[in-house]
Protein backbone atom coordinates (compact mmCIF):
# COMPACT_ATOMS: atom_id res chain seq x y z
CA MET A 1 66.85 -45.29 -60.53
CA ASN A 2 67.08 -41.49 -60.10
CA TRP A 3 70.06 -40.37 -57.98
CA PHE A 4 67.96 -37.73 -56.20
CA PHE A 5 65.37 -40.27 -55.02
CA LEU A 6 68.12 -42.66 -53.92
CA SER A 7 69.83 -39.87 -51.96
CA LEU A 8 66.56 -38.87 -50.29
CA LEU A 9 65.90 -42.46 -49.24
CA CYS A 10 69.44 -42.59 -47.89
CA ALA A 11 68.72 -39.44 -45.85
CA PHE A 12 65.64 -40.99 -44.28
CA PHE A 13 67.34 -44.25 -43.35
CA ALA A 14 70.42 -42.40 -42.01
CA ALA A 15 68.25 -40.21 -39.77
CA SER A 16 66.34 -43.26 -38.56
CA ALA A 17 69.61 -44.97 -37.66
CA ASP A 18 70.76 -41.85 -35.78
CA ALA A 19 67.55 -41.70 -33.75
CA LEU A 20 67.77 -45.41 -32.91
CA CYS A 21 71.42 -45.00 -31.93
CA LYS A 22 70.63 -42.07 -29.62
CA LYS A 23 67.95 -44.20 -28.01
CA SER A 24 70.51 -46.99 -27.50
CA LEU A 25 73.18 -44.61 -26.15
CA ALA A 26 71.02 -43.88 -23.11
CA GLY A 27 72.21 -47.17 -21.63
CA SER A 28 75.35 -48.00 -23.63
CA ASN A 29 78.73 -46.43 -24.41
CA GLU A 30 79.57 -44.87 -27.75
CA TYR A 31 82.10 -47.57 -28.69
CA LEU A 32 79.48 -50.30 -28.42
CA ILE A 33 76.91 -48.41 -30.50
CA ALA A 34 79.57 -47.42 -33.06
CA TRP A 35 80.25 -51.13 -33.55
CA VAL A 36 76.54 -51.99 -33.53
CA ARG A 37 75.96 -49.64 -36.50
CA VAL A 38 78.28 -51.70 -38.68
CA GLY A 39 78.32 -55.03 -36.85
CA PHE A 40 74.57 -55.59 -36.96
CA ALA A 41 74.44 -54.46 -40.58
CA THR A 42 77.07 -57.04 -41.53
CA PRO A 43 74.87 -60.21 -41.68
CA PHE A 44 72.33 -58.46 -43.92
CA LEU A 45 75.04 -57.13 -46.24
CA LEU A 46 76.83 -60.45 -46.54
CA LEU A 47 73.56 -62.00 -47.71
CA LEU A 48 73.97 -59.92 -50.87
CA LEU A 49 77.29 -61.51 -51.85
CA PRO A 50 75.91 -64.69 -53.50
CA PHE A 51 73.86 -62.48 -55.84
CA ILE A 52 76.66 -60.08 -56.74
CA GLU A 53 79.21 -60.50 -59.50
CA ILE A 54 82.64 -60.35 -57.90
CA PRO A 55 84.66 -57.73 -59.79
CA ARG A 56 88.35 -57.95 -60.51
CA LEU A 57 90.06 -55.96 -57.77
CA ASP A 58 93.25 -54.04 -58.41
CA ARG A 59 95.89 -52.57 -56.10
CA HIS A 60 94.14 -49.19 -56.01
CA PHE A 61 91.06 -50.74 -54.39
CA PHE A 62 93.03 -52.20 -51.49
CA VAL A 63 95.06 -49.02 -50.98
CA VAL A 64 91.86 -46.96 -50.77
CA ILE A 65 90.35 -49.40 -48.26
CA LEU A 66 93.45 -49.17 -46.05
CA ILE A 67 93.17 -45.37 -46.03
CA LEU A 68 89.41 -45.42 -45.52
CA LEU A 69 89.24 -47.71 -42.49
CA PRO A 70 91.00 -45.55 -39.85
CA LEU A 71 89.29 -42.37 -41.07
CA GLU A 72 85.87 -44.04 -41.00
CA ALA A 73 86.49 -45.55 -37.55
CA VAL A 74 87.45 -42.20 -36.01
CA ALA A 75 84.49 -40.46 -37.68
CA LEU A 76 82.05 -43.10 -36.47
CA ILE A 77 83.22 -42.97 -32.85
CA LEU A 78 83.11 -39.15 -32.81
CA TYR A 79 79.66 -39.32 -34.41
CA MET A 80 78.37 -41.48 -31.56
CA LYS A 81 80.03 -39.28 -28.95
CA ALA A 82 78.32 -36.23 -30.48
CA ILE A 83 74.78 -37.57 -30.51
CA LYS A 84 75.22 -39.07 -27.04
CA ILE A 85 76.18 -35.84 -25.27
CA SER A 86 74.11 -33.34 -27.31
CA PRO A 87 70.60 -33.12 -28.82
CA LEU A 88 70.10 -34.39 -32.37
CA SER A 89 68.77 -30.98 -33.46
CA ILE A 90 72.03 -29.31 -32.38
CA THR A 91 74.61 -31.85 -33.55
CA LEU A 92 73.22 -33.29 -36.81
CA PRO A 93 72.95 -29.90 -38.59
CA PHE A 94 76.72 -29.57 -38.63
CA LEU A 95 76.93 -32.52 -41.00
CA ALA A 96 75.71 -30.06 -43.63
CA LEU A 97 79.21 -28.60 -43.60
CA SER A 98 80.58 -31.66 -45.38
CA PRO A 99 79.38 -30.44 -48.83
CA ILE A 100 81.29 -27.19 -48.21
CA PHE A 101 84.43 -29.15 -47.40
CA MET A 102 83.77 -31.31 -50.47
CA ILE A 103 84.00 -28.36 -52.84
CA PHE A 104 87.72 -28.65 -52.15
CA THR A 105 88.19 -32.36 -51.35
CA SER A 106 86.25 -33.63 -54.39
CA ASN A 107 88.37 -31.47 -56.66
CA LEU A 108 91.56 -32.62 -54.95
CA ILE A 109 90.75 -36.34 -54.77
CA LEU A 110 88.49 -37.00 -57.77
CA GLY A 111 89.03 -33.95 -59.97
CA GLU A 112 85.29 -33.20 -59.81
CA ARG A 113 84.28 -29.56 -60.15
CA LEU A 114 80.85 -28.05 -59.59
CA ASP A 115 79.33 -25.40 -61.84
CA GLY A 116 78.03 -22.09 -60.48
CA PHE A 117 74.56 -23.37 -59.64
CA GLY A 118 76.01 -26.47 -58.02
CA ILE A 119 78.18 -24.39 -55.72
CA MET A 120 75.20 -22.12 -54.95
CA GLY A 121 73.11 -25.13 -53.95
CA VAL A 122 75.84 -26.50 -51.72
CA VAL A 123 76.29 -23.09 -50.03
CA PHE A 124 72.53 -22.82 -49.41
CA THR A 125 72.61 -26.24 -47.80
CA ALA A 126 75.36 -25.17 -45.43
CA LEU A 127 73.66 -21.82 -44.77
CA GLY A 128 70.62 -23.76 -43.63
CA ALA A 129 72.75 -25.41 -40.96
CA TYR A 130 73.78 -21.96 -39.72
CA LEU A 131 70.16 -20.83 -39.55
CA LEU A 132 69.28 -23.87 -37.47
CA HIS A 133 70.94 -21.86 -34.68
CA VAL A 134 69.32 -18.55 -35.71
CA ARG A 135 68.04 -17.92 -32.18
CA THR A 136 71.57 -17.33 -30.94
CA THR A 137 72.17 -14.57 -33.54
CA LYS A 138 70.33 -12.24 -31.16
CA GLN A 139 73.62 -12.27 -29.29
CA GLY A 140 75.53 -11.39 -32.46
CA ILE A 141 76.12 -12.75 -35.94
CA TRP A 142 78.98 -14.93 -34.69
CA ALA A 143 76.95 -16.38 -31.81
CA PRO A 144 76.17 -19.67 -33.59
CA PHE A 145 79.91 -20.24 -33.99
CA LYS A 146 80.57 -19.34 -30.36
CA ALA A 147 77.93 -21.88 -29.36
CA ILE A 148 80.19 -24.59 -30.74
CA GLY A 149 82.60 -24.00 -27.87
CA ARG A 150 79.78 -24.55 -25.41
CA GLU A 151 78.49 -27.69 -27.12
CA ARG A 152 81.12 -30.38 -27.52
CA GLY A 153 78.77 -32.47 -29.62
CA SER A 154 78.73 -29.75 -32.29
CA LEU A 155 82.53 -29.60 -32.37
CA TYR A 156 82.76 -33.37 -32.73
CA MET A 157 80.26 -33.29 -35.58
CA ILE A 158 82.22 -30.63 -37.47
CA ILE A 159 85.24 -32.92 -37.35
CA VAL A 160 83.01 -35.77 -38.56
CA ALA A 161 81.75 -33.60 -41.44
CA PHE A 162 85.32 -32.91 -42.54
CA LEU A 163 86.29 -36.58 -42.31
CA TYR A 164 83.18 -37.55 -44.29
CA SER A 165 84.11 -35.05 -47.00
CA ILE A 166 87.21 -37.19 -47.50
CA THR A 167 85.76 -40.68 -46.98
CA SER A 168 82.85 -40.04 -49.37
CA ASN A 169 85.29 -39.29 -52.17
CA LEU A 170 87.51 -42.23 -51.28
CA GLY A 171 84.42 -44.44 -51.24
CA LYS A 172 83.63 -43.39 -54.79
CA MET A 173 87.20 -44.26 -55.80
CA ALA A 174 86.75 -47.72 -54.28
CA ILE A 175 83.52 -48.14 -56.24
CA GLN A 176 85.26 -47.13 -59.45
CA HIS A 177 87.79 -49.92 -58.85
CA SER A 178 85.15 -52.52 -57.90
CA SER A 179 81.35 -52.09 -58.16
CA PRO A 180 78.65 -50.32 -56.10
CA LEU A 181 77.00 -53.47 -54.77
CA PHE A 182 80.26 -55.32 -54.09
CA PHE A 183 81.66 -52.38 -52.14
CA THR A 184 78.35 -52.02 -50.27
CA ALA A 185 78.34 -55.68 -49.29
CA THR A 186 81.96 -55.86 -48.17
CA TYR A 187 83.07 -52.49 -46.80
CA LEU A 188 80.98 -52.32 -43.62
CA PRO A 189 81.74 -55.94 -42.68
CA ILE A 190 85.47 -55.13 -43.03
CA LEU A 191 84.95 -52.01 -40.90
CA ALA A 192 83.10 -54.08 -38.28
CA VAL A 193 86.02 -56.50 -38.04
CA SER A 194 88.46 -53.57 -37.76
CA LEU A 195 86.42 -51.90 -34.99
CA PHE A 196 85.92 -55.06 -32.94
CA PRO A 197 89.34 -54.89 -31.16
CA VAL A 198 88.52 -51.28 -30.19
CA LEU A 199 85.20 -52.44 -28.74
CA VAL A 200 86.90 -55.19 -26.73
CA TRP A 201 89.58 -52.77 -25.49
CA LYS A 202 87.17 -50.03 -24.44
CA ASN A 203 84.87 -52.51 -22.73
CA HIS A 204 87.75 -54.25 -20.91
CA GLY A 205 87.07 -57.53 -22.66
CA LYS A 206 83.37 -57.56 -21.74
CA ILE A 207 81.29 -57.75 -24.90
CA LYS A 208 78.08 -59.44 -23.73
CA GLN A 209 76.31 -56.07 -24.13
CA ILE A 210 76.30 -56.79 -27.87
CA PHE A 211 73.35 -59.11 -27.22
CA SER A 212 71.57 -56.90 -24.67
CA HIS A 213 69.11 -55.20 -27.06
CA GLY A 214 68.75 -57.57 -30.00
CA THR A 215 65.64 -56.02 -31.56
CA LEU A 216 66.80 -52.40 -31.25
CA PHE A 217 70.31 -53.19 -32.48
CA SER A 218 68.93 -55.17 -35.43
CA LEU A 219 66.77 -52.20 -36.45
CA ILE A 220 69.88 -50.02 -36.39
CA GLY A 221 71.65 -52.56 -38.61
CA LEU A 222 68.77 -52.66 -41.10
CA ALA A 223 68.57 -48.86 -41.30
CA ILE A 224 72.31 -48.71 -41.97
CA VAL A 225 72.03 -51.40 -44.67
CA PHE A 226 69.38 -49.47 -46.58
CA ALA A 227 71.23 -46.17 -46.09
CA THR A 228 74.47 -47.73 -47.35
CA ILE A 229 72.95 -49.37 -50.42
CA THR A 230 71.11 -46.22 -51.52
CA HIS A 231 74.20 -44.07 -50.85
CA PHE A 232 76.62 -46.04 -53.01
CA LEU A 233 74.09 -46.53 -55.81
CA ALA A 234 73.57 -42.75 -55.85
CA VAL A 235 77.27 -41.78 -55.88
CA ASN A 236 77.81 -44.16 -58.76
CA ILE A 237 75.32 -42.10 -60.79
CA ALA A 238 75.96 -38.50 -59.71
CA GLU A 239 78.86 -36.36 -58.50
CA VAL A 240 79.60 -36.92 -54.82
CA PRO A 241 78.90 -33.36 -53.55
CA TYR A 242 75.42 -33.42 -55.13
CA VAL A 243 74.56 -36.74 -53.50
CA ILE A 244 75.90 -35.70 -50.12
CA SER A 245 73.99 -32.41 -50.23
CA VAL A 246 70.68 -34.20 -50.78
CA LYS A 247 71.66 -36.84 -48.25
CA ARG A 248 72.01 -34.04 -45.70
CA MET A 249 68.22 -33.83 -45.79
CA SER A 250 68.67 -36.39 -43.04
CA LEU A 251 69.19 -33.36 -40.81
CA LEU A 252 65.58 -32.34 -41.40
CA PHE A 253 64.37 -35.84 -40.64
CA GLY A 254 66.64 -35.83 -37.57
CA ILE A 255 65.08 -32.59 -36.30
CA ILE A 256 61.64 -34.18 -36.58
CA TYR A 257 62.86 -37.26 -34.72
CA GLY A 258 64.34 -34.98 -32.05
CA ALA A 259 61.04 -33.17 -31.57
CA VAL A 260 58.75 -36.20 -31.62
CA TRP A 261 60.87 -38.89 -29.99
CA PHE A 262 63.21 -36.97 -27.68
CA LYS A 263 61.05 -33.87 -26.98
CA GLU A 264 63.83 -31.46 -27.97
CA THR A 265 63.05 -27.73 -27.90
CA ASN A 266 63.53 -24.74 -30.27
CA ILE A 267 62.28 -26.89 -33.13
CA MET A 268 60.79 -24.00 -35.14
CA GLU A 269 64.17 -22.34 -35.71
CA ARG A 270 65.61 -25.70 -36.68
CA LEU A 271 62.84 -26.09 -39.26
CA ILE A 272 63.63 -22.62 -40.67
CA GLY A 273 67.18 -23.77 -41.27
CA GLY A 274 65.86 -26.98 -42.75
CA GLY A 275 63.74 -24.94 -45.17
CA VAL A 276 66.84 -23.12 -46.45
CA MET A 277 68.50 -26.50 -46.90
CA ILE A 278 65.58 -27.58 -49.07
CA VAL A 279 66.14 -24.49 -51.23
CA GLY A 280 69.71 -25.66 -51.72
CA VAL A 281 68.48 -29.10 -52.72
CA ILE A 282 66.04 -27.57 -55.25
CA ILE A 283 68.85 -25.53 -56.81
CA LEU A 284 70.98 -28.65 -57.09
CA THR A 285 68.16 -30.63 -58.68
CA LEU A 286 66.69 -28.12 -61.14
CA PHE A 287 69.84 -26.43 -62.50
């Protein structure tokens, strides 16, 4: 299947999961919903195992997993904090910075280098995120950056974008030392087990909230399952920065969710930024 189509599907499912998580965060803390994202995806992913050929795992696979887990856990918790305290249309755009970070991290970790058009497409994608805050440029060209200090959710998401620029590359390394479907079926369950003690600690041993919204939490789990499967299938076909850039189309879907579901304002300027992001995606796809 085409990597672009897989990445676009991943973007849709990721945005859907974000919107469902924000809905859940209205009555739950970020540690619970962080665990729900991976915990409720776990049963669905484990169902894949009987149909997957178990690859021979080497030492490199386990080393990468050990490095990945703490980085992914911190990123996930900060992610939930960001969308809880700030609108989706303000926080999610900063995820577009991860392709910029990946120009450097992919070269450092995987030795992948983009050509001129690839870099141009990635830059356009990140520029779109800047233009999502174009209204504040009336106060000066640096106003969108100054707004970060006033919006903690944006700052958290920038940190998440940097962490994801690392974990995406490490994830591809893990795939190279296993297989896309095996890693998909096992990684999130391992992350769920790793996060569970944090959930118990932050909830003072009270975990009955896990069962408080079964239908909503299950929908989050399903969205994460489909986003995860399409993501790892895509990165196994194409270079990681290309996949992540298209996956950041989830920001556009997230803006729409913010407008329709959460009645967020200033949507037109967010859509302008989203349009520039699409230009970046076209450059990545056609050249």
